[in-house]
Amino acid sequence: SLWSGKSFLDADFTVSNLRAQLERQNFNIIHLATHAQFNPNPRTNSYIQFWAENRLRFDEVRQLGLKDTFAELLVLGACQTALGDKEAELGFAGFAYKSGAKSVLASLWEVKEVGTLALMIEFYQLLKQPKTIKAEALRQAQLAMLRRDWYIENDQLCRREEQKCVLVPIENLEELKLSHPYFWSGFTIVGNPW
């Protein structure tokens, strides 16, 4: 409910559908909440996972036409999307930036869904405020995680100030301490910070 837009799940979440949507319409923000893996040897084994066996390979990022979408932000809310090597610094995030995305929010290591969910909700709430710089929204979201503004209670993700909770269908959540840097510090912005 934070932003209006389109979402594509399961069988609709394919590389070909993403390309088709990007050709039809300009999106201010493109958010891919999925799994990814960066493999430096060979880099052709690196991918962002879509539905079933559908994958966006590292060298296919350029073919998305990100330069033509006028997107202000590409969010790669998946594992290791900012991890790279000497030839591909900052991995998928760096390559997406070089391919035309103005800013890319990505992660340096494997991330947990529930921690990423809390960070992204906070980030998008902050980003919605007038004149908010993307890098500052990310910093403030990370500080909210550190301050323990987000916590787990009865298998629900909750925010202290709002006293609102979201049911998260993941087992053994109670033992997660979302304030730990593992859950929030691996995210970075590549490209234009504002």
N, C-alpha and C. Protein backbone atom coordinates (compact mmCIF):
# COMPACT_ATOMS: atom_id res chain seq x y z
N SER A 1 0.81 -1.21 0.00
CA SER A 1 0.00 0.00 0.00
C SER A 1 0.85 1.26 0.00
N LEU A 2 2.16 1.14 0.02
CA LEU A 2 3.02 2.31 0.05
C LEU A 2 3.08 3.05 -1.28
N TRP A 3 3.09 2.30 -2.37
CA TRP A 3 3.22 2.90 -3.69
C TRP A 3 2.21 2.23 -4.62
N SER A 4 1.72 2.97 -5.57
CA SER A 4 0.86 2.35 -6.58
C SER A 4 1.77 1.76 -7.65
N GLY A 5 1.28 0.76 -8.32
CA GLY A 5 2.09 0.13 -9.35
C GLY A 5 1.56 -1.23 -9.70
N LYS A 6 2.37 -1.98 -10.41
CA LYS A 6 2.01 -3.33 -10.82
C LYS A 6 2.92 -4.31 -10.10
N SER A 7 2.36 -5.48 -9.79
CA SER A 7 3.19 -6.54 -9.23
C SER A 7 2.95 -7.81 -10.03
N PHE A 8 4.01 -8.58 -10.14
CA PHE A 8 3.96 -9.82 -10.91
C PHE A 8 4.52 -10.94 -10.06
N LEU A 9 3.70 -11.95 -9.82
CA LEU A 9 4.07 -13.06 -8.97
C LEU A 9 3.99 -14.37 -9.74
N ASP A 10 4.71 -15.34 -9.24
CA ASP A 10 4.67 -16.71 -9.76
C ASP A 10 4.84 -16.75 -11.28
N ALA A 11 3.90 -17.33 -11.99
CA ALA A 11 4.06 -17.54 -13.44
C ALA A 11 4.13 -16.24 -14.23
N ASP A 12 3.67 -15.13 -13.65
CA ASP A 12 3.77 -13.83 -14.32
C ASP A 12 5.13 -13.17 -14.12
N PHE A 13 5.92 -13.71 -13.19
CA PHE A 13 7.23 -13.14 -12.88
C PHE A 13 8.29 -13.82 -13.74
N THR A 14 8.38 -13.37 -15.00
CA THR A 14 9.34 -13.93 -15.96
C THR A 14 10.17 -12.80 -16.56
N VAL A 15 11.30 -13.17 -17.09
CA VAL A 15 12.16 -12.18 -17.75
C VAL A 15 11.45 -11.59 -18.95
N SER A 16 10.76 -12.42 -19.73
CA SER A 16 10.06 -11.91 -20.92
C SER A 16 8.94 -10.94 -20.53
N ASN A 17 8.23 -11.21 -19.44
CA ASN A 17 7.19 -10.29 -19.00
C ASN A 17 7.80 -8.98 -18.49
N LEU A 18 8.91 -9.06 -17.79
CA LEU A 18 9.59 -7.84 -17.35
C LEU A 18 9.99 -6.99 -18.56
N ARG A 19 10.58 -7.62 -19.56
CA ARG A 19 10.96 -6.87 -20.78
C ARG A 19 9.74 -6.24 -21.43
N ALA A 20 8.66 -7.00 -21.53
CA ALA A 20 7.43 -6.49 -22.16
C ALA A 20 6.88 -5.31 -21.38
N GLN A 21 6.86 -5.39 -20.07
CA GLN A 21 6.36 -4.29 -19.25
C GLN A 21 7.23 -3.05 -19.41
N LEU A 22 8.55 -3.24 -19.45
CA LEU A 22 9.47 -2.11 -19.59
C LEU A 22 9.34 -1.45 -20.97
N GLU A 23 8.98 -2.22 -21.99
CA GLU A 23 8.77 -1.66 -23.33
C GLU A 23 7.47 -0.87 -23.41
N ARG A 24 6.44 -1.31 -22.66
CA ARG A 24 5.12 -0.67 -22.70
C ARG A 24 5.02 0.61 -21.89
N GLN A 25 5.75 0.66 -20.78
CA GLN A 25 5.52 1.73 -19.82
C GLN A 25 6.81 2.09 -19.09
N ASN A 26 6.93 3.35 -18.71
CA ASN A 26 8.05 3.78 -17.88
C ASN A 26 7.68 3.61 -16.41
N PHE A 27 8.60 3.09 -15.64
CA PHE A 27 8.39 2.91 -14.21
C PHE A 27 9.41 3.75 -13.46
N ASN A 28 8.97 4.46 -12.46
CA ASN A 28 9.86 5.26 -11.63
C ASN A 28 10.75 4.36 -10.77
N ILE A 29 10.15 3.27 -10.26
CA ILE A 29 10.88 2.31 -9.44
C ILE A 29 10.60 0.91 -9.98
N ILE A 30 11.64 0.13 -10.10
CA ILE A 30 11.52 -1.28 -10.47
C ILE A 30 12.10 -2.07 -9.29
N HIS A 31 11.29 -2.94 -8.70
CA HIS A 31 11.72 -3.70 -7.53
C HIS A 31 11.65 -5.19 -7.83
N LEU A 32 12.78 -5.87 -7.74
CA LEU A 32 12.84 -7.31 -7.93
C LEU A 32 13.14 -7.97 -6.58
N ALA A 33 12.12 -8.56 -5.99
CA ALA A 33 12.26 -9.26 -4.71
C ALA A 33 12.33 -10.75 -5.02
N THR A 34 13.53 -11.28 -5.08
CA THR A 34 13.71 -12.65 -5.51
C THR A 34 15.06 -13.17 -5.02
N HIS A 35 15.55 -14.22 -5.61
CA HIS A 35 16.85 -14.78 -5.26
C HIS A 35 17.84 -14.43 -6.38
N ALA A 36 19.10 -14.29 -6.01
CA ALA A 36 20.15 -14.05 -7.00
C ALA A 36 21.42 -14.74 -6.53
N GLN A 37 22.31 -14.97 -7.48
CA GLN A 37 23.60 -15.56 -7.14
C GLN A 37 24.65 -15.00 -8.08
N PHE A 38 25.74 -14.54 -7.49
CA PHE A 38 26.87 -14.06 -8.29
C PHE A 38 27.98 -15.08 -8.22
N ASN A 39 28.40 -15.58 -9.38
CA ASN A 39 29.49 -16.55 -9.49
C ASN A 39 30.57 -15.96 -10.38
N PRO A 40 31.73 -15.62 -9.82
CA PRO A 40 32.77 -15.01 -10.64
C PRO A 40 33.42 -15.97 -11.63
N ASN A 41 33.39 -17.27 -11.37
CA ASN A 41 34.06 -18.21 -12.25
C ASN A 41 33.14 -19.33 -12.71
N PRO A 42 32.61 -19.35 -13.86
CA PRO A 42 32.53 -18.21 -14.78
C PRO A 42 31.33 -17.33 -14.43
N ARG A 43 31.43 -16.07 -14.77
CA ARG A 43 30.37 -15.11 -14.47
C ARG A 43 29.07 -15.43 -15.21
N THR A 44 29.15 -16.21 -16.26
CA THR A 44 27.94 -16.60 -16.99
C THR A 44 27.02 -17.47 -16.14
N ASN A 45 27.52 -17.99 -15.02
CA ASN A 45 26.67 -18.76 -14.10
C ASN A 45 25.95 -17.86 -13.09
N SER A 46 26.15 -16.55 -13.17
CA SER A 46 25.47 -15.61 -12.28
C SER A 46 24.07 -15.34 -12.82
N TYR A 47 23.11 -15.17 -11.91
CA TYR A 47 21.72 -14.98 -12.35
C TYR A 47 20.88 -14.32 -11.28
N ILE A 48 19.76 -13.74 -11.74
CA ILE A 48 18.68 -13.31 -10.87
C ILE A 48 17.53 -14.25 -11.18
N GLN A 49 16.99 -14.88 -10.15
CA GLN A 49 15.96 -15.91 -10.33
C GLN A 49 14.59 -15.30 -10.56
N PHE A 50 13.90 -15.77 -11.58
CA PHE A 50 12.50 -15.44 -11.84
C PHE A 50 11.70 -16.72 -11.63
N TRP A 51 10.47 -16.78 -12.08
CA TRP A 51 9.59 -17.93 -11.87
C TRP A 51 10.21 -19.22 -12.41
N ALA A 52 10.09 -20.29 -11.64
CA ALA A 52 10.54 -21.63 -12.02
C ALA A 52 12.02 -21.60 -12.42
N GLU A 53 12.33 -22.05 -13.60
CA GLU A 53 13.72 -22.08 -14.07
C GLU A 53 14.08 -20.85 -14.89
N ASN A 54 13.23 -19.85 -14.87
CA ASN A 54 13.45 -18.63 -15.64
C ASN A 54 14.45 -17.75 -14.91
N ARG A 55 15.58 -17.44 -15.57
CA ARG A 55 16.64 -16.67 -14.92
C ARG A 55 17.12 -15.54 -15.83
N LEU A 56 17.46 -14.43 -15.21
CA LEU A 56 18.10 -13.33 -15.91
C LEU A 56 19.59 -13.47 -15.66
N ARG A 57 20.32 -13.79 -16.71
CA ARG A 57 21.77 -13.99 -16.60
C ARG A 57 22.47 -12.62 -16.52
N PHE A 58 23.67 -12.64 -16.01
CA PHE A 58 24.42 -11.42 -15.79
C PHE A 58 24.52 -10.57 -17.07
N ASP A 59 24.91 -11.20 -18.16
CA ASP A 59 25.09 -10.45 -19.41
C ASP A 59 23.77 -10.04 -20.06
N GLU A 60 22.63 -10.52 -19.57
CA GLU A 60 21.33 -10.14 -20.13
C GLU A 60 20.76 -8.87 -19.51
N VAL A 61 21.37 -8.39 -18.42
CA VAL A 61 20.88 -7.18 -17.77
C VAL A 61 20.87 -6.02 -18.75
N ARG A 62 21.89 -5.92 -19.56
CA ARG A 62 22.00 -4.85 -20.56
C ARG A 62 20.81 -4.85 -21.53
N GLN A 63 20.28 -6.03 -21.83
CA GLN A 63 19.18 -6.16 -22.79
C GLN A 63 17.83 -5.73 -22.24
N LEU A 64 17.76 -5.40 -20.96
CA LEU A 64 16.49 -4.94 -20.38
C LEU A 64 16.11 -3.54 -20.85
N GLY A 65 17.05 -2.79 -21.38
CA GLY A 65 16.76 -1.45 -21.84
C GLY A 65 16.50 -0.47 -20.70
N LEU A 66 17.25 -0.60 -19.62
CA LEU A 66 17.04 0.25 -18.44
C LEU A 66 17.23 1.72 -18.76
N LYS A 67 18.07 2.03 -19.71
CA LYS A 67 18.32 3.42 -20.09
C LYS A 67 17.06 4.07 -20.65
N ASP A 68 16.24 3.28 -21.31
CA ASP A 68 15.02 3.80 -21.95
C ASP A 68 13.82 3.85 -21.01
N THR A 69 13.93 3.28 -19.81
CA THR A 69 12.77 3.22 -18.92
C THR A 69 12.60 4.48 -18.08
N PHE A 70 13.65 5.28 -17.97
CA PHE A 70 13.65 6.48 -17.13
C PHE A 70 13.42 6.14 -15.66
N ALA A 71 13.74 4.92 -15.26
CA ALA A 71 13.58 4.52 -13.86
C ALA A 71 14.58 5.26 -12.99
N GLU A 72 14.07 5.82 -11.91
CA GLU A 72 14.93 6.51 -10.95
C GLU A 72 15.64 5.52 -10.04
N LEU A 73 15.03 4.34 -9.85
CA LEU A 73 15.57 3.39 -8.89
C LEU A 73 15.25 1.95 -9.32
N LEU A 74 16.27 1.13 -9.32
CA LEU A 74 16.12 -0.31 -9.49
C LEU A 74 16.50 -0.94 -8.15
N VAL A 75 15.58 -1.67 -7.54
CA VAL A 75 15.84 -2.34 -6.27
C VAL A 75 16.03 -3.83 -6.55
N LEU A 76 17.21 -4.31 -6.21
CA LEU A 76 17.52 -5.72 -6.35
C LEU A 76 17.55 -6.30 -4.94
N GLY A 77 16.36 -6.59 -4.42
CA GLY A 77 16.22 -7.08 -3.05
C GLY A 77 16.49 -8.56 -2.97
N ALA A 78 17.66 -8.97 -3.39
CA ALA A 78 18.02 -10.38 -3.43
C ALA A 78 19.46 -10.53 -2.94
N CYS A 79 19.87 -11.75 -2.73
CA CYS A 79 21.22 -12.04 -2.25
C CYS A 79 22.30 -11.63 -3.25
N GLN A 80 23.36 -11.06 -2.74
CA GLN A 80 24.61 -10.84 -3.49
C GLN A 80 24.46 -10.04 -4.77
N THR A 81 23.52 -9.14 -4.85
CA THR A 81 23.34 -8.38 -6.10
C THR A 81 24.32 -7.22 -6.24
N ALA A 82 25.04 -6.87 -5.16
CA ALA A 82 26.09 -5.86 -5.26
C ALA A 82 27.48 -6.49 -5.11
N LEU A 83 27.53 -7.80 -5.05
CA LEU A 83 28.79 -8.52 -4.95
C LEU A 83 29.38 -8.67 -6.35
N GLY A 84 30.67 -8.41 -6.49
CA GLY A 84 31.29 -8.52 -7.80
C GLY A 84 32.70 -9.07 -7.71
N ASP A 85 33.45 -8.84 -8.78
CA ASP A 85 34.85 -9.24 -8.84
C ASP A 85 35.63 -8.14 -9.56
N LYS A 86 36.89 -8.41 -9.92
CA LYS A 86 37.72 -7.36 -10.56
C LYS A 86 37.15 -6.88 -11.88
N GLU A 87 36.54 -7.77 -12.64
CA GLU A 87 36.00 -7.40 -13.95
C GLU A 87 34.58 -6.86 -13.88
N ALA A 88 33.88 -7.18 -12.82
CA ALA A 88 32.48 -6.74 -12.67
C ALA A 88 32.27 -6.18 -11.28
N GLU A 89 32.86 -5.01 -11.04
CA GLU A 89 32.73 -4.40 -9.72
C GLU A 89 31.27 -4.15 -9.40
N LEU A 90 30.88 -4.46 -8.20
CA LEU A 90 29.52 -4.29 -7.70
C LEU A 90 28.49 -5.16 -8.41
N GLY A 91 28.93 -6.19 -9.10
CA GLY A 91 28.07 -7.23 -9.65
C GLY A 91 26.89 -6.75 -10.46
N PHE A 92 25.71 -7.32 -10.18
CA PHE A 92 24.50 -6.96 -10.90
C PHE A 92 24.18 -5.48 -10.75
N ALA A 93 24.39 -4.93 -9.56
CA ALA A 93 24.08 -3.52 -9.32
C ALA A 93 24.95 -2.62 -10.19
N GLY A 94 26.24 -2.89 -10.23
CA GLY A 94 27.13 -2.09 -11.07
C GLY A 94 26.82 -2.22 -12.54
N PHE A 95 26.50 -3.45 -12.97
CA PHE A 95 26.19 -3.68 -14.37
C PHE A 95 24.86 -3.01 -14.76
N ALA A 96 23.88 -3.06 -13.85
CA ALA A 96 22.60 -2.41 -14.12
C ALA A 96 22.78 -0.90 -14.19
N TYR A 97 23.64 -0.35 -13.32
CA TYR A 97 23.93 1.09 -13.37
C TYR A 97 24.59 1.45 -14.70
N LYS A 98 25.58 0.68 -15.11
CA LYS A 98 26.25 0.93 -16.39
C LYS A 98 25.29 0.76 -17.57
N SER A 99 24.24 -0.04 -17.38
CA SER A 99 23.27 -0.28 -18.44
C SER A 99 22.14 0.74 -18.47
N GLY A 100 22.19 1.73 -17.57
CA GLY A 100 21.22 2.82 -17.66
C GLY A 100 20.35 3.09 -16.45
N ALA A 101 20.36 2.24 -15.43
CA ALA A 101 19.59 2.53 -14.22
C ALA A 101 20.26 3.70 -13.50
N LYS A 102 19.49 4.68 -13.08
CA LYS A 102 20.08 5.86 -12.42
C LYS A 102 20.63 5.52 -11.04
N SER A 103 19.90 4.71 -10.29
CA SER A 103 20.33 4.25 -8.97
C SER A 103 19.92 2.79 -8.81
N VAL A 104 20.75 2.05 -8.10
CA VAL A 104 20.44 0.64 -7.85
C VAL A 104 20.66 0.37 -6.36
N LEU A 105 19.65 -0.16 -5.71
CA LEU A 105 19.76 -0.60 -4.32
C LEU A 105 19.97 -2.11 -4.35
N ALA A 106 21.06 -2.57 -3.74
CA ALA A 106 21.42 -3.98 -3.84
C ALA A 106 22.13 -4.44 -2.56
N SER A 107 22.38 -5.75 -2.48
CA SER A 107 22.99 -6.32 -1.27
C SER A 107 24.35 -6.94 -1.58
N LEU A 108 25.20 -6.93 -0.55
CA LEU A 108 26.55 -7.48 -0.70
C LEU A 108 26.63 -8.95 -0.31
N TRP A 109 25.66 -9.45 0.42
CA TRP A 109 25.71 -10.85 0.83
C TRP A 109 24.31 -11.45 0.84
N GLU A 110 24.23 -12.72 1.23
CA GLU A 110 22.94 -13.39 1.31
C GLU A 110 22.08 -12.70 2.37
N VAL A 111 20.84 -12.45 2.03
CA VAL A 111 19.95 -11.73 2.93
C VAL A 111 18.77 -12.62 3.33
N LYS A 112 18.21 -12.33 4.49
CA LYS A 112 17.02 -13.05 4.96
C LYS A 112 15.78 -12.27 4.58
N GLU A 113 14.75 -12.99 4.14
CA GLU A 113 13.52 -12.35 3.67
C GLU A 113 12.89 -11.42 4.69
N VAL A 114 12.79 -11.85 5.93
CA VAL A 114 12.08 -11.05 6.93
C VAL A 114 12.83 -9.76 7.24
N GLY A 115 14.15 -9.83 7.33
CA GLY A 115 14.95 -8.62 7.55
C GLY A 115 14.87 -7.68 6.37
N THR A 116 14.91 -8.23 5.17
CA THR A 116 14.81 -7.42 3.96
C THR A 116 13.42 -6.78 3.88
N LEU A 117 12.39 -7.51 4.25
CA LEU A 117 11.03 -6.96 4.24
C LEU A 117 10.93 -5.75 5.15
N ALA A 118 11.44 -5.87 6.37
CA ALA A 118 11.39 -4.75 7.31
C ALA A 118 12.17 -3.56 6.78
N LEU A 119 13.38 -3.80 6.27
CA LEU A 119 14.21 -2.72 5.74
C LEU A 119 13.53 -2.03 4.56
N MET A 120 12.94 -2.82 3.66
CA MET A 120 12.30 -2.24 2.47
C MET A 120 11.04 -1.45 2.83
N ILE A 121 10.24 -1.94 3.76
CA ILE A 121 9.06 -1.18 4.18
C ILE A 121 9.49 0.18 4.72
N GLU A 122 10.49 0.16 5.59
CA GLU A 122 11.00 1.41 6.18
C GLU A 122 11.57 2.32 5.10
N PHE A 123 12.36 1.76 4.20
CA PHE A 123 12.98 2.52 3.11
C PHE A 123 11.92 3.21 2.25
N TYR A 124 10.91 2.46 1.85
CA TYR A 124 9.88 3.03 0.98
C TYR A 124 9.02 4.07 1.70
N GLN A 125 8.78 3.87 2.99
CA GLN A 125 8.04 4.90 3.75
C GLN A 125 8.84 6.19 3.79
N LEU A 126 10.12 6.08 4.02
CA LEU A 126 10.99 7.27 4.07
C LEU A 126 11.12 7.91 2.69
N LEU A 127 11.23 7.09 1.67
CA LEU A 127 11.40 7.60 0.30
C LEU A 127 10.17 8.37 -0.17
N LYS A 128 9.03 8.05 0.37
CA LYS A 128 7.78 8.71 -0.01
C LYS A 128 7.70 10.16 0.50
N GLN A 129 8.50 10.49 1.48
CA GLN A 129 8.49 11.84 2.02
C GLN A 129 9.12 12.81 1.02
N PRO A 130 8.58 14.04 0.92
CA PRO A 130 9.08 15.01 -0.07
C PRO A 130 10.57 15.30 0.10
N LYS A 131 11.24 15.44 -1.03
CA LYS A 131 12.66 15.82 -1.10
C LYS A 131 13.59 14.86 -0.39
N THR A 132 13.19 13.60 -0.28
CA THR A 132 14.05 12.61 0.37
C THR A 132 15.06 12.06 -0.62
N ILE A 133 16.29 12.04 -0.21
CA ILE A 133 17.37 11.48 -1.01
C ILE A 133 17.40 9.97 -0.78
N LYS A 134 17.56 9.20 -1.83
CA LYS A 134 17.53 7.73 -1.73
C LYS A 134 18.57 7.20 -0.74
N ALA A 135 19.78 7.73 -0.82
CA ALA A 135 20.83 7.26 0.08
C ALA A 135 20.49 7.57 1.53
N GLU A 136 19.87 8.72 1.79
CA GLU A 136 19.48 9.07 3.15
C GLU A 136 18.31 8.20 3.62
N ALA A 137 17.39 7.88 2.73
CA ALA A 137 16.28 6.98 3.09
C ALA A 137 16.83 5.62 3.49
N LEU A 138 17.81 5.12 2.75
CA LEU A 138 18.43 3.84 3.09
C LEU A 138 19.14 3.94 4.44
N ARG A 139 19.89 5.00 4.65
CA ARG A 139 20.61 5.19 5.92
C ARG A 139 19.64 5.23 7.10
N GLN A 140 18.56 5.98 6.95
CA GLN A 140 17.58 6.09 8.02
C GLN A 140 16.87 4.74 8.26
N ALA A 141 16.61 4.00 7.19
CA ALA A 141 15.99 2.67 7.34
C ALA A 141 16.94 1.73 8.08
N GLN A 142 18.22 1.80 7.77
CA GLN A 142 19.20 0.98 8.46
C GLN A 142 19.30 1.37 9.94
N LEU A 143 19.23 2.66 10.23
CA LEU A 143 19.25 3.11 11.62
C LEU A 143 18.01 2.63 12.38
N ALA A 144 16.87 2.62 11.70
CA ALA A 144 15.64 2.12 12.33
C ALA A 144 15.80 0.65 12.71
N MET A 145 16.46 -0.11 11.86
CA MET A 145 16.71 -1.52 12.17
C MET A 145 17.66 -1.63 13.37
N LEU A 146 18.71 -0.83 13.38
CA LEU A 146 19.67 -0.84 14.47
C LEU A 146 19.03 -0.44 15.79
N ARG A 147 18.12 0.53 15.74
CA ARG A 147 17.43 1.02 16.95
C ARG A 147 16.37 0.04 17.45
N ARG A 148 16.17 -1.04 16.75
CA ARG A 148 15.17 -2.06 17.09
C ARG A 148 13.75 -1.55 16.91
N ASP A 149 13.55 -0.67 15.92
CA ASP A 149 12.20 -0.22 15.60
C ASP A 149 11.37 -1.35 15.03
N TRP A 150 12.03 -2.35 14.45
CA TRP A 150 11.35 -3.53 13.90
C TRP A 150 11.69 -4.73 14.75
N TYR A 151 10.70 -5.55 15.02
CA TYR A 151 10.92 -6.73 15.85
C TYR A 151 9.95 -7.83 15.43
N ILE A 152 10.20 -9.03 15.91
CA ILE A 152 9.38 -10.20 15.63
C ILE A 152 8.59 -10.55 16.89
N GLU A 153 7.29 -10.79 16.71
CA GLU A 153 6.45 -11.22 17.83
C GLU A 153 5.35 -12.11 17.30
N ASN A 154 5.25 -13.32 17.83
CA ASN A 154 4.22 -14.29 17.41
C ASN A 154 4.20 -14.49 15.89
N ASP A 155 5.38 -14.73 15.32
CA ASP A 155 5.53 -14.94 13.87
C ASP A 155 5.03 -13.76 13.05
N GLN A 156 5.11 -12.58 13.62
CA GLN A 156 4.71 -11.37 12.91
C GLN A 156 5.86 -10.36 12.96
N LEU A 157 5.98 -9.63 11.88
CA LEU A 157 6.95 -8.55 11.79
C LEU A 157 6.24 -7.28 12.24
N CYS A 158 6.79 -6.60 13.26
CA CYS A 158 6.10 -5.45 13.86
C CYS A 158 7.01 -4.22 13.90
N ARG A 159 6.38 -3.05 13.83
CA ARG A 159 7.08 -1.77 13.97
C ARG A 159 6.63 -1.13 15.26
N ARG A 160 7.57 -0.76 16.10
CA ARG A 160 7.26 -0.25 17.44
C ARG A 160 6.33 0.94 17.46
N GLU A 161 6.68 2.02 16.78
CA GLU A 161 5.90 3.26 16.87
C GLU A 161 4.47 3.09 16.37
N GLU A 162 4.30 2.36 15.31
CA GLU A 162 2.97 2.23 14.70
C GLU A 162 2.15 1.12 15.34
N GLN A 163 2.80 0.24 16.05
CA GLN A 163 2.17 -0.92 16.65
C GLN A 163 1.35 -1.70 15.62
N LYS A 164 1.90 -1.77 14.41
CA LYS A 164 1.28 -2.57 13.34
C LYS A 164 2.17 -3.77 13.10
N CYS A 165 1.54 -4.88 12.79
CA CYS A 165 2.28 -6.10 12.53
C CYS A 165 1.81 -6.73 11.23
N VAL A 166 2.73 -7.47 10.61
CA VAL A 166 2.46 -8.19 9.37
C VAL A 166 2.77 -9.66 9.62
N LEU A 167 1.82 -10.54 9.34
CA LEU A 167 2.06 -11.96 9.50
C LEU A 167 3.08 -12.41 8.45
N VAL A 168 4.12 -13.09 8.90
CA VAL A 168 5.17 -13.56 8.00
C VAL A 168 5.16 -15.09 8.03
N PRO A 169 4.89 -15.74 6.90
CA PRO A 169 4.77 -17.20 6.90
C PRO A 169 6.13 -17.91 6.87
N ILE A 170 6.97 -17.60 7.85
CA ILE A 170 8.28 -18.23 7.97
C ILE A 170 8.40 -18.76 9.39
N GLU A 171 8.89 -19.97 9.54
CA GLU A 171 8.99 -20.58 10.87
C GLU A 171 10.23 -20.09 11.61
N ASN A 172 10.20 -20.23 12.94
CA ASN A 172 11.32 -19.90 13.83
C ASN A 172 11.78 -18.45 13.74
N LEU A 173 10.83 -17.56 13.63
CA LEU A 173 11.17 -16.14 13.55
C LEU A 173 11.57 -15.56 14.90
N GLU A 174 11.04 -16.09 15.98
CA GLU A 174 11.25 -15.49 17.30
C GLU A 174 12.73 -15.30 17.64
N GLU A 175 13.59 -16.18 17.16
CA GLU A 175 15.00 -16.09 17.53
C GLU A 175 15.77 -15.05 16.71
N LEU A 176 15.16 -14.46 15.70
CA LEU A 176 15.85 -13.47 14.87
C LEU A 176 15.89 -12.11 15.57
N LYS A 177 17.05 -11.52 15.63
CA LYS A 177 17.23 -10.18 16.18
C LYS A 177 17.51 -9.25 15.00
N LEU A 178 16.49 -8.59 14.53
CA LEU A 178 16.59 -7.77 13.32
C LEU A 178 17.52 -6.57 13.48
N SER A 179 17.90 -6.25 14.70
CA SER A 179 18.83 -5.15 14.91
C SER A 179 20.27 -5.55 14.56
N HIS A 180 20.53 -6.83 14.41
CA HIS A 180 21.88 -7.29 14.07
C HIS A 180 22.25 -6.78 12.67
N PRO A 181 23.48 -6.28 12.50
CA PRO A 181 23.89 -5.74 11.20
C PRO A 181 23.76 -6.70 10.02
N TYR A 182 23.76 -7.99 10.29
CA TYR A 182 23.59 -8.97 9.21
C TYR A 182 22.33 -8.70 8.40
N PHE A 183 21.27 -8.25 9.05
CA PHE A 183 19.97 -8.09 8.41
C PHE A 183 19.84 -6.80 7.60
N TRP A 184 20.68 -5.81 7.84
CA TRP A 184 20.46 -4.51 7.20
C TRP A 184 21.71 -3.85 6.62
N SER A 185 22.90 -4.20 7.11
CA SER A 185 24.08 -3.43 6.71
C SER A 185 24.66 -3.83 5.35
N GLY A 186 24.21 -4.92 4.78
CA GLY A 186 24.73 -5.36 3.49
C GLY A 186 24.13 -4.63 2.30
N PHE A 187 23.14 -3.77 2.54
CA PHE A 187 22.48 -3.06 1.44
C PHE A 187 23.19 -1.73 1.15
N THR A 188 23.32 -1.43 -0.12
CA THR A 188 24.01 -0.22 -0.55
C THR A 188 23.33 0.35 -1.79
N ILE A 189 23.59 1.63 -2.04
CA ILE A 189 23.06 2.27 -3.26
C ILE A 189 24.22 2.53 -4.20
N VAL A 190 24.06 2.10 -5.42
CA VAL A 190 25.06 2.32 -6.47
C VAL A 190 24.48 3.36 -7.43
N GLY A 191 25.29 4.31 -7.82
CA GLY A 191 24.84 5.33 -8.78
C GLY A 191 24.43 6.60 -8.08
N ASN A 192 23.42 7.24 -8.62
CA ASN A 192 22.94 8.53 -8.15
C ASN A 192 22.27 8.38 -6.78
N PRO A 193 22.79 9.03 -5.72
CA PRO A 193 22.22 8.84 -4.39
C PRO A 193 20.94 9.62 -4.14
N TRP A 194 20.57 10.54 -5.03
CA TRP A 194 19.36 11.33 -4.77
C TRP A 194 18.32 11.21 -5.82
